[in-house]
Amino acid sequence: MEEKARAHLIVSGRVQGVCFRAETQKAATIFGLHGWVRNKRDGTVEAIAEGAKKDVISLINWCKTGPPLSWVEKVDVNWQDYHGEFSEFGINY
């Protein structure tokens, strides 16, 4: 059985106004993850991702590059206990 994981991400750099949320949602869906992504007022992007640990790691690695128009300076990762509370990966506003 695959190990389940949950990660809280804060992505810094040029990550707003470059389709980062929509592309993160697409990537998370491809990886089979659940959770959400949103813009924060400080210019960062925040996400919670849950699923198989290897897939959460894949999303973290994807976020280090992001979509073509973005420029990622840093991805802060806080590993948390898996909750299994989400049924999809959505965009929060």
PDB file of N, CA and C in Angstrom:
ATOM      1  N   MET A   1       0.844  -1.192   0.000  1.00  0.00           N
ATOM      2  CA  MET A   1       0.000   0.000   0.000  1.00  0.00           C
ATOM      3  C   MET A   1       0.883   1.247   0.000  1.00  0.00           C
ATOM      4  N   GLU A   2       0.503   2.214  -0.819  1.00  0.00           N
ATOM      5  CA  GLU A   2       1.282   3.446  -0.926  1.00  0.00           C
ATOM      6  C   GLU A   2       1.140   4.299   0.330  1.00  0.00           C
ATOM      7  N   GLU A   3       2.256   4.912   0.715  1.00  0.00           N
ATOM      8  CA  GLU A   3       2.246   5.829   1.845  1.00  0.00           C
ATOM      9  C   GLU A   3       1.521   7.110   1.446  1.00  0.00           C
ATOM     10  N   LYS A   4       0.568   7.541   2.269  1.00  0.00           N
ATOM     11  CA  LYS A   4      -0.180   8.774   2.020  1.00  0.00           C
ATOM     12  C   LYS A   4       0.527   9.931   2.711  1.00  0.00           C
ATOM     13  N   ALA A   5       0.416  11.108   2.106  1.00  0.00           N
ATOM     14  CA  ALA A   5       1.091  12.286   2.649  1.00  0.00           C
ATOM     15  C   ALA A   5       0.263  13.529   2.376  1.00  0.00           C
ATOM     16  N   ARG A   6       0.588  14.570   3.129  1.00  0.00           N
ATOM     17  CA  ARG A   6      -0.035  15.885   2.960  1.00  0.00           C
ATOM     18  C   ARG A   6       1.078  16.914   3.085  1.00  0.00           C
ATOM     19  N   ALA A   7       1.088  17.873   2.158  1.00  0.00           N
ATOM     20  CA  ALA A   7       2.085  18.942   2.202  1.00  0.00           C
ATOM     21  C   ALA A   7       1.395  20.283   2.045  1.00  0.00           C
ATOM     22  N   HIS A   8       1.861  21.247   2.817  1.00  0.00           N
ATOM     23  CA  HIS A   8       1.426  22.636   2.715  1.00  0.00           C
ATOM     24  C   HIS A   8       2.566  23.379   2.026  1.00  0.00           C
ATOM     25  N   LEU A   9       2.280  24.009   0.889  1.00  0.00           N
ATOM     26  CA  LEU A   9       3.301  24.669   0.083  1.00  0.00           C
ATOM     27  C   LEU A   9       3.078  26.173   0.043  1.00  0.00           C
ATOM     28  N   ILE A  10       4.167  26.909   0.093  1.00  0.00           N
ATOM     29  CA  ILE A  10       4.153  28.344  -0.192  1.00  0.00           C
ATOM     30  C   ILE A  10       5.190  28.562  -1.290  1.00  0.00           C
ATOM     31  N   VAL A  11       4.724  29.047  -2.438  1.00  0.00           N
ATOM     32  CA  VAL A  11       5.594  29.243  -3.598  1.00  0.00           C
ATOM     33  C   VAL A  11       5.829  30.734  -3.783  1.00  0.00           C
ATOM     34  N   SER A  12       7.099  31.131  -3.811  1.00  0.00           N
ATOM     35  CA  SER A  12       7.476  32.542  -3.939  1.00  0.00           C
ATOM     36  C   SER A  12       8.142  32.795  -5.284  1.00  0.00           C
ATOM     37  N   GLY A  13       8.054  34.028  -5.736  1.00  0.00           N
ATOM     38  CA  GLY A  13       8.652  34.451  -7.003  1.00  0.00           C
ATOM     39  C   GLY A  13       7.600  35.152  -7.836  1.00  0.00           C
ATOM     40  N   ARG A  14       7.753  35.079  -9.158  1.00  0.00           N
ATOM     41  CA  ARG A  14       6.709  35.613 -10.049  1.00  0.00           C
ATOM     42  C   ARG A  14       5.722  34.473 -10.290  1.00  0.00           C
ATOM     43  N   VAL A  15       4.742  34.368  -9.389  1.00  0.00           N
ATOM     44  CA  VAL A  15       3.823  33.235  -9.421  1.00  0.00           C
ATOM     45  C   VAL A  15       2.357  33.647  -9.477  1.00  0.00           C
ATOM     46  N   GLN A  16       2.098  34.952  -9.547  1.00  0.00           N
ATOM     47  CA  GLN A  16       0.730  35.423  -9.731  1.00  0.00           C
ATOM     48  C   GLN A  16       0.643  36.138 -11.080  1.00  0.00           C
ATOM     49  N   GLY A  17      -0.495  35.953 -11.750  1.00  0.00           N
ATOM     50  CA  GLY A  17      -0.685  36.561 -13.063  1.00  0.00           C
ATOM     51  C   GLY A  17      -0.016  35.778 -14.184  1.00  0.00           C
ATOM     52  N   VAL A  18       0.376  34.532 -13.897  1.00  0.00           N
ATOM     53  CA  VAL A  18       1.067  33.701 -14.894  1.00  0.00           C
ATOM     54  C   VAL A  18       0.425  32.309 -14.994  1.00  0.00           C
ATOM     55  N   CYS A  19      -0.847  32.210 -14.588  1.00  0.00           N
ATOM     56  CA  CYS A  19      -1.613  30.946 -14.631  1.00  0.00           C
ATOM     57  C   CYS A  19      -1.071  29.874 -13.690  1.00  0.00           C
ATOM     58  N   PHE A  20      -0.394  30.293 -12.623  1.00  0.00           N
ATOM     59  CA  PHE A  20       0.198  29.316 -11.708  1.00  0.00           C
ATOM     60  C   PHE A  20      -0.869  28.450 -11.041  1.00  0.00           C
ATOM     61  N   ARG A  21      -1.958  29.053 -10.587  1.00  0.00           N
ATOM     62  CA  ARG A  21      -3.007  28.268  -9.925  1.00  0.00           C
ATOM     63  C   ARG A  21      -3.619  27.242 -10.867  1.00  0.00           C
ATOM     64  N   ALA A  22      -4.006  27.669 -12.049  1.00  0.00           N
ATOM     65  CA  ALA A  22      -4.651  26.759 -13.000  1.00  0.00           C
ATOM     66  C   ALA A  22      -3.710  25.621 -13.407  1.00  0.00           C
ATOM     67  N   GLU A  23      -2.450  25.960 -13.636  1.00  0.00           N
ATOM     68  CA  GLU A  23      -1.491  24.929 -14.039  1.00  0.00           C
ATOM     69  C   GLU A  23      -1.152  23.999 -12.878  1.00  0.00           C
ATOM     70  N   THR A  24      -1.153  24.522 -11.652  1.00  0.00           N
ATOM     71  CA  THR A  24      -0.941  23.671 -10.483  1.00  0.00           C
ATOM     72  C   THR A  24      -2.101  22.700 -10.331  1.00  0.00           C
ATOM     73  N   GLN A  25      -3.312  23.199 -10.551  1.00  0.00           N
ATOM     74  CA  GLN A  25      -4.488  22.331 -10.484  1.00  0.00           C
ATOM     75  C   GLN A  25      -4.387  21.212 -11.523  1.00  0.00           C
ATOM     76  N   LYS A  26      -3.985  21.555 -12.743  1.00  0.00           N
ATOM     77  CA  LYS A  26      -3.833  20.542 -13.792  1.00  0.00           C
ATOM     78  C   LYS A  26      -2.786  19.510 -13.411  1.00  0.00           C
ATOM     79  N   ALA A  27      -1.629  19.979 -12.928  1.00  0.00           N
ATOM     80  CA  ALA A  27      -0.549  19.060 -12.547  1.00  0.00           C
ATOM     81  C   ALA A  27      -0.995  18.154 -11.401  1.00  0.00           C
ATOM     82  N   ALA A  28      -1.641  18.725 -10.390  1.00  0.00           N
ATOM     83  CA  ALA A  28      -2.096  17.943  -9.244  1.00  0.00           C
ATOM     84  C   ALA A  28      -3.100  16.882  -9.678  1.00  0.00           C
ATOM     85  N   THR A  29      -3.977  17.239 -10.598  1.00  0.00           N
ATOM     86  CA  THR A  29      -4.965  16.284 -11.108  1.00  0.00           C
ATOM     87  C   THR A  29      -4.273  15.153 -11.864  1.00  0.00           C
ATOM     88  N   ILE A  30      -3.289  15.481 -12.668  1.00  0.00           N
ATOM     89  CA  ILE A  30      -2.521  14.451 -13.383  1.00  0.00           C
ATOM     90  C   ILE A  30      -1.836  13.506 -12.396  1.00  0.00           C
ATOM     91  N   PHE A  31      -1.311  14.063 -11.300  1.00  0.00           N
ATOM     92  CA  PHE A  31      -0.639  13.247 -10.283  1.00  0.00           C
ATOM     93  C   PHE A  31      -1.627  12.520  -9.372  1.00  0.00           C
ATOM     94  N   GLY A  32      -2.930  12.780  -9.538  1.00  0.00           N
ATOM     95  CA  GLY A  32      -3.945  12.096  -8.735  1.00  0.00           C
ATOM     96  C   GLY A  32      -4.076  12.635  -7.317  1.00  0.00           C
ATOM     97  N   LEU A  33      -3.758  13.912  -7.134  1.00  0.00           N
ATOM     98  CA  LEU A  33      -3.787  14.517  -5.805  1.00  0.00           C
ATOM     99  C   LEU A  33      -5.087  15.258  -5.536  1.00  0.00           C
ATOM    100  N   HIS A  34      -5.362  15.481  -4.271  1.00  0.00           N
ATOM    101  CA  HIS A  34      -6.510  16.259  -3.826  1.00  0.00           C
ATOM    102  C   HIS A  34      -6.011  17.401  -2.959  1.00  0.00           C
ATOM    103  N   GLY A  35      -6.794  18.483  -2.901  1.00  0.00           N
ATOM    104  CA  GLY A  35      -6.423  19.633  -2.091  1.00  0.00           C
ATOM    105  C   GLY A  35      -6.865  20.910  -2.757  1.00  0.00           C
ATOM    106  N   TRP A  36      -6.057  21.944  -2.642  1.00  0.00           N
ATOM    107  CA  TRP A  36      -6.399  23.239  -3.222  1.00  0.00           C
ATOM    108  C   TRP A  36      -5.158  24.095  -3.426  1.00  0.00           C
ATOM    109  N   VAL A  37      -5.348  25.158  -4.214  1.00  0.00           N
ATOM    110  CA  VAL A  37      -4.304  26.152  -4.460  1.00  0.00           C
ATOM    111  C   VAL A  37      -4.970  27.525  -4.478  1.00  0.00           C
ATOM    112  N   ARG A  38      -4.253  28.550  -3.995  1.00  0.00           N
ATOM    113  CA  ARG A  38      -4.792  29.908  -4.003  1.00  0.00           C
ATOM    114  C   ARG A  38      -3.663  30.935  -3.999  1.00  0.00           C
ATOM    115  N   ASN A  39      -3.989  32.136  -4.479  1.00  0.00           N
ATOM    116  CA  ASN A  39      -3.081  33.275  -4.372  1.00  0.00           C
ATOM    117  C   ASN A  39      -3.203  33.867  -2.980  1.00  0.00           C
ATOM    118  N   LYS A  40      -2.085  34.349  -2.452  1.00  0.00           N
ATOM    119  CA  LYS A  40      -2.101  35.066  -1.182  1.00  0.00           C
ATOM    120  C   LYS A  40      -1.847  36.548  -1.449  1.00  0.00           C
ATOM    121  N   ARG A  41      -2.270  37.383  -0.547  1.00  0.00           N
ATOM    122  CA  ARG A  41      -2.122  38.836  -0.718  1.00  0.00           C
ATOM    123  C   ARG A  41      -0.669  39.279  -0.788  1.00  0.00           C
ATOM    124  N   ASP A  42       0.244  38.485  -0.234  1.00  0.00           N
ATOM    125  CA  ASP A  42       1.661  38.872  -0.233  1.00  0.00           C
ATOM    126  C   ASP A  42       2.374  38.530  -1.543  1.00  0.00           C
ATOM    127  N   GLY A  43       1.627  38.031  -2.543  1.00  0.00           N
ATOM    128  CA  GLY A  43       2.212  37.728  -3.848  1.00  0.00           C
ATOM    129  C   GLY A  43       2.666  36.291  -4.017  1.00  0.00           C
ATOM    130  N   THR A  44       2.518  35.480  -2.970  1.00  0.00           N
ATOM    131  CA  THR A  44       2.885  34.072  -3.061  1.00  0.00           C
ATOM    132  C   THR A  44       1.668  33.241  -3.469  1.00  0.00           C
ATOM    133  N   VAL A  45       1.910  31.971  -3.757  1.00  0.00           N
ATOM    134  CA  VAL A  45       0.849  31.006  -4.008  1.00  0.00           C
ATOM    135  C   VAL A  45       0.933  29.955  -2.912  1.00  0.00           C
ATOM    136  N   GLU A  46      -0.220  29.600  -2.365  1.00  0.00           N
ATOM    137  CA  GLU A  46      -0.302  28.615  -1.285  1.00  0.00           C
ATOM    138  C   GLU A  46      -1.077  27.406  -1.791  1.00  0.00           C
ATOM    139  N   ALA A  47      -0.667  26.216  -1.370  1.00  0.00           N
ATOM    140  CA  ALA A  47      -1.379  25.003  -1.765  1.00  0.00           C
ATOM    141  C   ALA A  47      -1.318  23.971  -0.645  1.00  0.00           C
ATOM    142  N   ILE A  48      -2.345  23.152  -0.598  1.00  0.00           N
ATOM    143  CA  ILE A  48      -2.370  21.941   0.221  1.00  0.00           C
ATOM    144  C   ILE A  48      -2.558  20.798  -0.760  1.00  0.00           C
ATOM    145  N   ALA A  49      -1.682  19.795  -0.679  1.00  0.00           N
ATOM    146  CA  ALA A  49      -1.783  18.643  -1.574  1.00  0.00           C
ATOM    147  C   ALA A  49      -1.756  17.367  -0.748  1.00  0.00           C
ATOM    148  N   GLU A  50      -2.695  16.474  -1.042  1.00  0.00           N
ATOM    149  CA  GLU A  50      -2.767  15.176  -0.366  1.00  0.00           C
ATOM    150  C   GLU A  50      -2.829  14.060  -1.396  1.00  0.00           C
ATOM    151  N   GLY A  51      -2.230  12.940  -1.039  1.00  0.00           N
ATOM    152  CA  GLY A  51      -2.270  11.763  -1.889  1.00  0.00           C
ATOM    153  C   GLY A  51      -1.082  10.875  -1.603  1.00  0.00           C
ATOM    154  N   ALA A  52      -0.745  10.038  -2.572  1.00  0.00           N
ATOM    155  CA  ALA A  52       0.428   9.180  -2.426  1.00  0.00           C
ATOM    156  C   ALA A  52       1.669  10.063  -2.278  1.00  0.00           C
ATOM    157  N   LYS A  53       2.547   9.718  -1.336  1.00  0.00           N
ATOM    158  CA  LYS A  53       3.700  10.568  -1.050  1.00  0.00           C
ATOM    159  C   LYS A  53       4.535  10.829  -2.293  1.00  0.00           C
ATOM    160  N   LYS A  54       4.732   9.809  -3.129  1.00  0.00           N
ATOM    161  CA  LYS A  54       5.542   9.999  -4.338  1.00  0.00           C
ATOM    162  C   LYS A  54       4.903  11.022  -5.274  1.00  0.00           C
ATOM    163  N   ASP A  55       3.574  11.069  -5.298  1.00  0.00           N
ATOM    164  CA  ASP A  55       2.868  12.027  -6.155  1.00  0.00           C
ATOM    165  C   ASP A  55       2.909  13.438  -5.564  1.00  0.00           C
ATOM    166  N   VAL A  56       2.850  13.542  -4.240  1.00  0.00           N
ATOM    167  CA  VAL A  56       2.995  14.850  -3.593  1.00  0.00           C
ATOM    168  C   VAL A  56       4.390  15.403  -3.887  1.00  0.00           C
ATOM    169  N   ILE A  57       5.396  14.536  -3.807  1.00  0.00           N
ATOM    170  CA  ILE A  57       6.768  14.949  -4.129  1.00  0.00           C
ATOM    171  C   ILE A  57       6.857  15.390  -5.590  1.00  0.00           C
ATOM    172  N   SER A  58       6.167  14.696  -6.485  1.00  0.00           N
ATOM    173  CA  SER A  58       6.160  15.091  -7.900  1.00  0.00           C
ATOM    174  C   SER A  58       5.575  16.487  -8.077  1.00  0.00           C
ATOM    175  N   LEU A  59       4.492  16.807  -7.347  1.00  0.00           N
ATOM    176  CA  LEU A  59       3.907  18.149  -7.449  1.00  0.00           C
ATOM    177  C   LEU A  59       4.864  19.199  -6.878  1.00  0.00           C
ATOM    178  N   ILE A  60       5.511  18.890  -5.773  1.00  0.00           N
ATOM    179  CA  ILE A  60       6.487  19.824  -5.201  1.00  0.00           C
ATOM    180  C   ILE A  60       7.579  20.115  -6.226  1.00  0.00           C
ATOM    181  N   ASN A  61       8.083  19.090  -6.857  1.00  0.00           N
ATOM    182  CA  ASN A  61       9.121  19.280  -7.883  1.00  0.00           C
ATOM    183  C   ASN A  61       8.593  20.081  -9.068  1.00  0.00           C
ATOM    184  N   TRP A  62       7.347  19.832  -9.458  1.00  0.00           N
ATOM    185  CA  TRP A  62       6.744  20.616 -10.545  1.00  0.00           C
ATOM    186  C   TRP A  62       6.674  22.090 -10.143  1.00  0.00           C
ATOM    187  N   CYS A  63       6.275  22.359  -8.904  1.00  0.00           N
ATOM    188  CA  CYS A  63       6.143  23.745  -8.426  1.00  0.00           C
ATOM    189  C   CYS A  63       7.476  24.481  -8.427  1.00  0.00           C
ATOM    190  N   LYS A  64       8.573  23.776  -8.348  1.00  0.00           N
ATOM    191  CA  LYS A  64       9.892  24.427  -8.346  1.00  0.00           C
ATOM    192  C   LYS A  64      10.187  25.096  -9.688  1.00  0.00           C
ATOM    193  N   THR A  65       9.488  24.671 -10.737  1.00  0.00           N
ATOM    194  CA  THR A  65       9.615  25.285 -12.063  1.00  0.00           C
ATOM    195  C   THR A  65       8.355  26.052 -12.424  1.00  0.00           C
ATOM    196  N   GLY A  66       7.190  25.439 -12.230  1.00  0.00           N
ATOM    197  CA  GLY A  66       5.911  26.079 -12.533  1.00  0.00           C
ATOM    198  C   GLY A  66       5.667  26.204 -14.023  1.00  0.00           C
ATOM    199  N   PRO A  67       4.621  26.953 -14.394  1.00  0.00           N
ATOM    200  CA  PRO A  67       4.298  27.145 -15.809  1.00  0.00           C
ATOM    201  C   PRO A  67       5.314  28.057 -16.493  1.00  0.00           C
ATOM    202  N   PRO A  68       5.307  28.082 -17.831  1.00  0.00           N
ATOM    203  CA  PRO A  68       6.346  28.795 -18.594  1.00  0.00           C
ATOM    204  C   PRO A  68       6.564  30.269 -18.233  1.00  0.00           C
ATOM    205  N   LEU A  69       5.535  31.026 -17.923  1.00  0.00           N
ATOM    206  CA  LEU A  69       5.710  32.453 -17.661  1.00  0.00           C
ATOM    207  C   LEU A  69       6.107  32.766 -16.215  1.00  0.00           C
ATOM    208  N   SER A  70       6.129  31.740 -15.374  1.00  0.00           N
ATOM    209  CA  SER A  70       6.465  31.973 -13.971  1.00  0.00           C
ATOM    210  C   SER A  70       7.977  31.954 -13.759  1.00  0.00           C
ATOM    211  N   TRP A  71       8.379  32.483 -12.624  1.00  0.00           N
ATOM    212  CA  TRP A  71       9.764  32.402 -12.167  1.00  0.00           C
ATOM    213  C   TRP A  71       9.687  32.090 -10.688  1.00  0.00           C
ATOM    214  N   VAL A  72      10.048  30.860 -10.326  1.00  0.00           N
ATOM    215  CA  VAL A  72       9.927  30.407  -8.947  1.00  0.00           C
ATOM    216  C   VAL A  72      11.236  30.660  -8.217  1.00  0.00           C
ATOM    217  N   GLU A  73      11.134  31.419  -7.153  1.00  0.00           N
ATOM    218  CA  GLU A  73      12.289  31.728  -6.320  1.00  0.00           C
ATOM    219  C   GLU A  73      12.491  30.663  -5.247  1.00  0.00           C
ATOM    220  N   LYS A  74      11.360  30.205  -4.646  1.00  0.00           N
ATOM    221  CA  LYS A  74      11.459  29.287  -3.518  1.00  0.00           C
ATOM    222  C   LYS A  74      10.140  28.552  -3.335  1.00  0.00           C
ATOM    223  N   VAL A  75      10.228  27.292  -2.902  1.00  0.00           N
ATOM    224  CA  VAL A  75       9.052  26.524  -2.507  1.00  0.00           C
ATOM    225  C   VAL A  75       9.279  26.051  -1.077  1.00  0.00           C
ATOM    226  N   ASP A  76       8.502  26.613  -0.153  1.00  0.00           N
ATOM    227  CA  ASP A  76       8.565  26.170   1.239  1.00  0.00           C
ATOM    228  C   ASP A  76       7.575  25.033   1.413  1.00  0.00           C
ATOM    229  N   VAL A  77       8.033  23.936   2.003  1.00  0.00           N
ATOM    230  CA  VAL A  77       7.197  22.752   2.189  1.00  0.00           C
ATOM    231  C   VAL A  77       7.093  22.440   3.673  1.00  0.00           C
ATOM    232  N   ASN A  78       5.867  22.295   4.131  1.00  0.00           N
ATOM    233  CA  ASN A  78       5.605  21.878   5.500  1.00  0.00           C
ATOM    234  C   ASN A  78       4.817  20.573   5.428  1.00  0.00           C
ATOM    235  N   TRP A  79       5.455  19.471   5.784  1.00  0.00           N
ATOM    236  CA  TRP A  79       4.773  18.176   5.772  1.00  0.00           C
ATOM    237  C   TRP A  79       3.819  18.103   6.961  1.00  0.00           C
ATOM    238  N   GLN A  80       2.615  17.601   6.697  1.00  0.00           N
ATOM    239  CA  GLN A  80       1.585  17.495   7.728  1.00  0.00           C
ATOM    240  C   GLN A  80       1.015  16.086   7.724  1.00  0.00           C
ATOM    241  N   ASP A  81       0.216  15.775   8.740  1.00  0.00           N
ATOM    242  CA  ASP A  81      -0.465  14.481   8.785  1.00  0.00           C
ATOM    243  C   ASP A  81      -1.518  14.430   7.683  1.00  0.00           C
ATOM    244  N   TYR A  82      -1.622  13.290   7.023  1.00  0.00           N
ATOM    245  CA  TYR A  82      -2.631  13.073   5.983  1.00  0.00           C
ATOM    246  C   TYR A  82      -4.016  13.072   6.628  1.00  0.00           C
ATOM    247  N   HIS A  83      -4.976  13.804   6.011  1.00  0.00           N
ATOM    248  CA  HIS A  83      -6.342  13.872   6.520  1.00  0.00           C
ATOM    249  C   HIS A  83      -7.347  13.184   5.593  1.00  0.00           C
ATOM    250  N   GLY A  84      -7.109  13.220   4.292  1.00  0.00           N
ATOM    251  CA  GLY A  84      -8.051  12.643   3.339  1.00  0.00           C
ATOM    252  C   GLY A  84      -9.374  13.386   3.276  1.00  0.00           C
ATOM    253  N   GLU A  85      -9.329  14.702   3.489  1.00  0.00           N
ATOM    254  CA  GLU A  85     -10.555  15.486   3.582  1.00  0.00           C
ATOM    255  C   GLU A  85     -11.049  16.052   2.258  1.00  0.00           C
ATOM    256  N   PHE A  86     -10.277  15.945   1.188  1.00  0.00           N
ATOM    257  CA  PHE A  86     -10.646  16.547  -0.094  1.00  0.00           C
ATOM    258  C   PHE A  86     -11.059  15.486  -1.105  1.00  0.00           C
ATOM    259  N   SER A  87     -11.985  15.850  -1.987  1.00  0.00           N
ATOM    260  CA  SER A  87     -12.444  14.907  -3.019  1.00  0.00           C
ATOM    261  C   SER A  87     -11.883  15.256  -4.401  1.00  0.00           C
ATOM    262  N   GLU A  88     -11.219  16.422  -4.504  1.00  0.00           N
ATOM    263  CA  GLU A  88     -10.629  16.870  -5.764  1.00  0.00           C
ATOM    264  C   GLU A  88      -9.546  17.892  -5.456  1.00  0.00           C
ATOM    265  N   PHE A  89      -8.922  18.421  -6.499  1.00  0.00           N
ATOM    266  CA  PHE A  89      -7.952  19.487  -6.320  1.00  0.00           C
ATOM    267  C   PHE A  89      -8.546  20.749  -6.925  1.00  0.00           C
ATOM    268  N   GLY A  90      -8.871  21.714  -6.084  1.00  0.00           N
ATOM    269  CA  GLY A  90      -9.557  22.907  -6.557  1.00  0.00           C
ATOM    270  C   GLY A  90      -8.736  24.179  -6.431  1.00  0.00           C
ATOM    271  N   ILE A  91      -9.272  25.234  -7.012  1.00  0.00           N
ATOM    272  CA  ILE A  91      -8.695  26.563  -6.889  1.00  0.00           C
ATOM    273  C   ILE A  91      -9.571  27.342  -5.920  1.00  0.00           C
ATOM    274  N   ASN A  92      -8.950  27.849  -4.867  1.00  0.00           N
ATOM    275  CA  ASN A  92      -9.665  28.680  -3.890  1.00  0.00           C
ATOM    276  C   ASN A  92      -9.407  30.153  -4.206  1.00  0.00           C
ATOM    277  N   TYR A  93     -10.423  30.959  -3.994  1.00  0.00           N
ATOM    278  CA  TYR A  93     -10.311  32.392  -4.258  1.00  0.00           C
ATOM    279  C   TYR A  93     -10.488  33.181  -2.975  1.00  0.00           C
TER     280      TYR A  93
END
